[in-house]
Amino acid sequence: MGKEKEKKVSKKDAQLILRLNKEQRDAFVDTCRELDTSAAREIRRFIKKFLKEHQAEE
């Protein structure tokens, strides 16, 4: 009938599991929501920035 939508290929194929207290987690998720972003997106952004800063030192 029409073109089939191409499946989006995800480069994300690993997980990082961490533990933190509920209050911090809830505050972080709520703040991300208020800023119209996701917790996962912000954590990925932090990791990329952290690696970029520290790889430049090597």
PDB file of N, CA and C in Angstrom:
ATOM      1  N   MET A   1       0.817  -1.177   0.000  1.00  0.00           N
ATOM      2  CA  MET A   1       0.000   0.000   0.000  1.00  0.00           C
ATOM      3  C   MET A   1       0.867   1.249   0.000  1.00  0.00           C
ATOM      4  N   GLY A   2       1.810   1.329   0.825  1.00  0.00           N
ATOM      5  CA  GLY A   2       2.702   2.475   0.879  1.00  0.00           C
ATOM      6  C   GLY A   2       4.078   1.989   1.248  1.00  0.00           C
ATOM      7  N   LYS A   3       4.971   2.926   1.334  1.00  0.00           N
ATOM      8  CA  LYS A   3       6.326   2.534   1.739  1.00  0.00           C
ATOM      9  C   LYS A   3       6.318   2.097   3.190  1.00  0.00           C
ATOM     10  N   GLU A   4       7.013   1.021   3.441  1.00  0.00           N
ATOM     11  CA  GLU A   4       7.163   0.592   4.828  1.00  0.00           C
ATOM     12  C   GLU A   4       8.188   1.500   5.493  1.00  0.00           C
ATOM     13  N   LYS A   5       7.888   1.863   6.711  1.00  0.00           N
ATOM     14  CA  LYS A   5       8.844   2.700   7.445  1.00  0.00           C
ATOM     15  C   LYS A   5      10.088   1.876   7.748  1.00  0.00           C
ATOM     16  N   GLU A   6      11.222   2.502   7.513  1.00  0.00           N
ATOM     17  CA  GLU A   6      12.473   1.830   7.850  1.00  0.00           C
ATOM     18  C   GLU A   6      12.622   1.804   9.355  1.00  0.00           C
ATOM     19  N   LYS A   7      13.080   0.680   9.849  1.00  0.00           N
ATOM     20  CA  LYS A   7      13.307   0.583  11.285  1.00  0.00           C
ATOM     21  C   LYS A   7      14.519   1.411  11.651  1.00  0.00           C
ATOM     22  N   LYS A   8      14.377   2.173  12.723  1.00  0.00           N
ATOM     23  CA  LYS A   8      15.476   2.998  13.191  1.00  0.00           C
ATOM     24  C   LYS A   8      16.542   2.091  13.802  1.00  0.00           C
ATOM     25  N   VAL A   9      17.745   2.219  13.303  1.00  0.00           N
ATOM     26  CA  VAL A   9      18.852   1.421  13.825  1.00  0.00           C
ATOM     27  C   VAL A   9      19.434   2.148  15.024  1.00  0.00           C
ATOM     28  N   SER A  10      19.450   1.483  16.152  1.00  0.00           N
ATOM     29  CA  SER A  10      19.944   2.085  17.378  1.00  0.00           C
ATOM     30  C   SER A  10      21.399   1.716  17.591  1.00  0.00           C
ATOM     31  N   LYS A  11      22.214   2.708  17.866  1.00  0.00           N
ATOM     32  CA  LYS A  11      23.617   2.475  18.184  1.00  0.00           C
ATOM     33  C   LYS A  11      23.784   2.101  19.647  1.00  0.00           C
ATOM     34  N   LYS A  12      22.728   2.281  20.405  1.00  0.00           N
ATOM     35  CA  LYS A  12      22.807   2.029  21.838  1.00  0.00           C
ATOM     36  C   LYS A  12      22.559   0.550  22.101  1.00  0.00           C
ATOM     37  N   ASP A  13      23.602  -0.150  22.501  1.00  0.00           N
ATOM     38  CA  ASP A  13      23.467  -1.584  22.679  1.00  0.00           C
ATOM     39  C   ASP A  13      23.994  -2.071  24.028  1.00  0.00           C
ATOM     40  N   ALA A  14      24.163  -1.149  24.970  1.00  0.00           N
ATOM     41  CA  ALA A  14      24.648  -1.533  26.293  1.00  0.00           C
ATOM     42  C   ALA A  14      23.921  -0.721  27.356  1.00  0.00           C
ATOM     43  N   GLN A  15      23.914  -1.255  28.552  1.00  0.00           N
ATOM     44  CA  GLN A  15      23.268  -0.573  29.669  1.00  0.00           C
ATOM     45  C   GLN A  15      24.273  -0.331  30.782  1.00  0.00           C
ATOM     46  N   LEU A  16      24.010   0.723  31.532  1.00  0.00           N
ATOM     47  CA  LEU A  16      24.780   1.032  32.729  1.00  0.00           C
ATOM     48  C   LEU A  16      23.775   1.104  33.871  1.00  0.00           C
ATOM     49  N   ILE A  17      23.914   0.235  34.814  1.00  0.00           N
ATOM     50  CA  ILE A  17      22.989   0.203  35.943  1.00  0.00           C
ATOM     51  C   ILE A  17      23.697   0.811  37.146  1.00  0.00           C
ATOM     52  N   LEU A  18      23.020   1.756  37.792  1.00  0.00           N
ATOM     53  CA  LEU A  18      23.609   2.369  38.972  1.00  0.00           C
ATOM     54  C   LEU A  18      22.568   2.493  40.063  1.00  0.00           C
ATOM     55  N   ARG A  19      23.040   2.614  41.257  1.00  0.00           N
ATOM     56  CA  ARG A  19      22.155   2.742  42.400  1.00  0.00           C
ATOM     57  C   ARG A  19      22.342   4.114  43.011  1.00  0.00           C
ATOM     58  N   LEU A  20      21.235   4.764  43.340  1.00  0.00           N
ATOM     59  CA  LEU A  20      21.264   6.024  44.054  1.00  0.00           C
ATOM     60  C   LEU A  20      20.008   6.106  44.893  1.00  0.00           C
ATOM     61  N   ASN A  21      19.995   7.036  45.824  1.00  0.00           N
ATOM     62  CA  ASN A  21      18.832   7.058  46.703  1.00  0.00           C
ATOM     63  C   ASN A  21      17.614   7.610  45.956  1.00  0.00           C
ATOM     64  N   LYS A  22      16.455   7.215  46.408  1.00  0.00           N
ATOM     65  CA  LYS A  22      15.194   7.528  45.737  1.00  0.00           C
ATOM     66  C   LYS A  22      14.960   9.024  45.616  1.00  0.00           C
ATOM     67  N   GLU A  23      15.319   9.778  46.639  1.00  0.00           N
ATOM     68  CA  GLU A  23      15.094  11.214  46.606  1.00  0.00           C
ATOM     69  C   GLU A  23      15.901  11.884  45.497  1.00  0.00           C
ATOM     70  N   GLN A  24      17.167  11.488  45.364  1.00  0.00           N
ATOM     71  CA  GLN A  24      18.002  12.048  44.302  1.00  0.00           C
ATOM     72  C   GLN A  24      17.474  11.647  42.935  1.00  0.00           C
ATOM     73  N   ARG A  25      17.125  10.398  42.779  1.00  0.00           N
ATOM     74  CA  ARG A  25      16.597   9.911  41.503  1.00  0.00           C
ATOM     75  C   ARG A  25      15.326  10.661  41.127  1.00  0.00           C
ATOM     76  N   ASP A  26      14.397  10.780  42.064  1.00  0.00           N
ATOM     77  CA  ASP A  26      13.136  11.455  41.780  1.00  0.00           C
ATOM     78  C   ASP A  26      13.350  12.928  41.450  1.00  0.00           C
ATOM     79  N   ALA A  27      14.234  13.593  42.186  1.00  0.00           N
ATOM     80  CA  ALA A  27      14.518  15.002  41.923  1.00  0.00           C
ATOM     81  C   ALA A  27      15.150  15.173  40.541  1.00  0.00           C
ATOM     82  N   PHE A  28      16.045  14.272  40.178  1.00  0.00           N
ATOM     83  CA  PHE A  28      16.706  14.339  38.870  1.00  0.00           C
ATOM     84  C   PHE A  28      15.698  14.129  37.746  1.00  0.00           C
ATOM     85  N   VAL A  29      14.880  13.111  37.868  1.00  0.00           N
ATOM     86  CA  VAL A  29      13.879  12.811  36.838  1.00  0.00           C
ATOM     87  C   VAL A  29      12.873  13.957  36.728  1.00  0.00           C
ATOM     88  N   ASP A  30      12.432  14.483  37.851  1.00  0.00           N
ATOM     89  CA  ASP A  30      11.483  15.604  37.831  1.00  0.00           C
ATOM     90  C   ASP A  30      12.091  16.837  37.169  1.00  0.00           C
ATOM     91  N   THR A  31      13.343  17.130  37.490  1.00  0.00           N
ATOM     92  CA  THR A  31      14.005  18.289  36.892  1.00  0.00           C
ATOM     93  C   THR A  31      14.176  18.104  35.390  1.00  0.00           C
ATOM     94  N   CYS A  32      14.548  16.917  34.977  1.00  0.00           N
ATOM     95  CA  CYS A  32      14.668  16.635  33.544  1.00  0.00           C
ATOM     96  C   CYS A  32      13.327  16.834  32.849  1.00  0.00           C
ATOM     97  N   ARG A  33      12.280  16.349  33.463  1.00  0.00           N
ATOM     98  CA  ARG A  33      10.941  16.495  32.887  1.00  0.00           C
ATOM     99  C   ARG A  33      10.577  17.980  32.756  1.00  0.00           C
ATOM    100  N   GLU A  34      10.878  18.751  33.786  1.00  0.00           N
ATOM    101  CA  GLU A  34      10.597  20.196  33.755  1.00  0.00           C
ATOM    102  C   GLU A  34      11.371  20.894  32.637  1.00  0.00           C
ATOM    103  N   LEU A  35      12.552  20.384  32.339  1.00  0.00           N
ATOM    104  CA  LEU A  35      13.401  20.960  31.300  1.00  0.00           C
ATOM    105  C   LEU A  35      13.142  20.337  29.925  1.00  0.00           C
ATOM    106  N   ASP A  36      12.107  19.514  29.830  1.00  0.00           N
ATOM    107  CA  ASP A  36      11.717  18.858  28.585  1.00  0.00           C
ATOM    108  C   ASP A  36      12.840  18.020  27.983  1.00  0.00           C
ATOM    109  N   THR A  37      13.450  17.229  28.850  1.00  0.00           N
ATOM    110  CA  THR A  37      14.489  16.305  28.420  1.00  0.00           C
ATOM    111  C   THR A  37      14.284  15.010  29.191  1.00  0.00           C
ATOM    112  N   SER A  38      15.109  14.026  28.943  1.00  0.00           N
ATOM    113  CA  SER A  38      14.988  12.767  29.680  1.00  0.00           C
ATOM    114  C   SER A  38      16.224  12.545  30.537  1.00  0.00           C
ATOM    115  N   ALA A  39      16.052  11.758  31.565  1.00  0.00           N
ATOM    116  CA  ALA A  39      17.179  11.428  32.435  1.00  0.00           C
ATOM    117  C   ALA A  39      18.263  10.709  31.636  1.00  0.00           C
ATOM    118  N   ALA A  40      17.867   9.785  30.793  1.00  0.00           N
ATOM    119  CA  ALA A  40      18.838   9.035  29.992  1.00  0.00           C
ATOM    120  C   ALA A  40      19.630   9.960  29.079  1.00  0.00           C
ATOM    121  N   ARG A  41      18.944  10.895  28.447  1.00  0.00           N
ATOM    122  CA  ARG A  41      19.626  11.833  27.553  1.00  0.00           C
ATOM    123  C   ARG A  41      20.661  12.657  28.310  1.00  0.00           C
ATOM    124  N   GLU A  42      20.305  13.108  29.493  1.00  0.00           N
ATOM    125  CA  GLU A  42      21.230  13.930  30.272  1.00  0.00           C
ATOM    126  C   GLU A  42      22.409  13.132  30.795  1.00  0.00           C
ATOM    127  N   ILE A  43      22.178  11.892  31.168  1.00  0.00           N
ATOM    128  CA  ILE A  43      23.286  11.040  31.617  1.00  0.00           C
ATOM    129  C   ILE A  43      24.219  10.743  30.463  1.00  0.00           C
ATOM    130  N   ARG A  44      23.661  10.452  29.267  1.00  0.00           N
ATOM    131  CA  ARG A  44      24.506  10.234  28.090  1.00  0.00           C
ATOM    132  C   ARG A  44      25.317  11.482  27.768  1.00  0.00           C
ATOM    133  N   ARG A  45      24.687  12.664  27.882  1.00  0.00           N
ATOM    134  CA  ARG A  45      25.398  13.915  27.613  1.00  0.00           C
ATOM    135  C   ARG A  45      26.538  14.105  28.614  1.00  0.00           C
ATOM    136  N   PHE A  46      26.281  13.808  29.882  1.00  0.00           N
ATOM    137  CA  PHE A  46      27.329  13.913  30.901  1.00  0.00           C
ATOM    138  C   PHE A  46      28.502  12.980  30.577  1.00  0.00           C
ATOM    139  N   ILE A  47      28.191  11.744  30.210  1.00  0.00           N
ATOM    140  CA  ILE A  47      29.248  10.766  29.921  1.00  0.00           C
ATOM    141  C   ILE A  47      30.094  11.221  28.731  1.00  0.00           C
ATOM    142  N   LYS A  48      29.440  11.696  27.670  1.00  0.00           N
ATOM    143  CA  LYS A  48      30.189  12.170  26.495  1.00  0.00           C
ATOM    144  C   LYS A  48      31.098  13.328  26.857  1.00  0.00           C
ATOM    145  N   LYS A  49      30.584  14.292  27.626  1.00  0.00           N
ATOM    146  CA  LYS A  49      31.382  15.449  28.029  1.00  0.00           C
ATOM    147  C   LYS A  49      32.543  15.016  28.925  1.00  0.00           C
ATOM    148  N   PHE A  50      32.274  14.138  29.867  1.00  0.00           N
ATOM    149  CA  PHE A  50      33.290  13.636  30.790  1.00  0.00           C
ATOM    150  C   PHE A  50      34.418  12.951  30.026  1.00  0.00           C
ATOM    151  N   LEU A  51      34.049  12.086  29.088  1.00  0.00           N
ATOM    152  CA  LEU A  51      35.066  11.375  28.305  1.00  0.00           C
ATOM    153  C   LEU A  51      35.878  12.342  27.443  1.00  0.00           C
ATOM    154  N   LYS A  52      35.203  13.296  26.827  1.00  0.00           N
ATOM    155  CA  LYS A  52      35.895  14.267  25.991  1.00  0.00           C
ATOM    156  C   LYS A  52      36.916  15.062  26.802  1.00  0.00           C
ATOM    157  N   GLU A  53      36.509  15.503  27.991  1.00  0.00           N
ATOM    158  CA  GLU A  53      37.404  16.270  28.840  1.00  0.00           C
ATOM    159  C   GLU A  53      38.602  15.454  29.312  1.00  0.00           C
ATOM    160  N   HIS A  54      38.375  14.211  29.659  1.00  0.00           N
ATOM    161  CA  HIS A  54      39.438  13.389  30.216  1.00  0.00           C
ATOM    162  C   HIS A  54      40.293  12.710  29.169  1.00  0.00           C
ATOM    163  N   GLN A  55      39.773  12.508  27.989  1.00  0.00           N
ATOM    164  CA  GLN A  55      40.598  11.940  26.911  1.00  0.00           C
ATOM    165  C   GLN A  55      41.569  12.983  26.376  1.00  0.00           C
ATOM    166  N   ALA A  56      41.200  14.250  26.478  1.00  0.00           N
ATOM    167  CA  ALA A  56      42.091  15.324  26.015  1.00  0.00           C
ATOM    168  C   ALA A  56      43.330  15.413  26.898  1.00  0.00           C
ATOM    169  N   GLU A  57      43.226  14.960  28.131  1.00  0.00           N
ATOM    170  CA  GLU A  57      44.342  15.020  29.071  1.00  0.00           C
ATOM    171  C   GLU A  57      45.382  13.938  28.805  1.00  0.00           C
ATOM    172  N   GLU A  58      44.981  12.888  28.143  1.00  0.00           N
ATOM    173  CA  GLU A  58      45.890  11.748  27.932  1.00  0.00           C
ATOM    174  C   GLU A  58      46.909  12.003  26.847  1.00  0.00           C
TER     175      GLU A  58
END
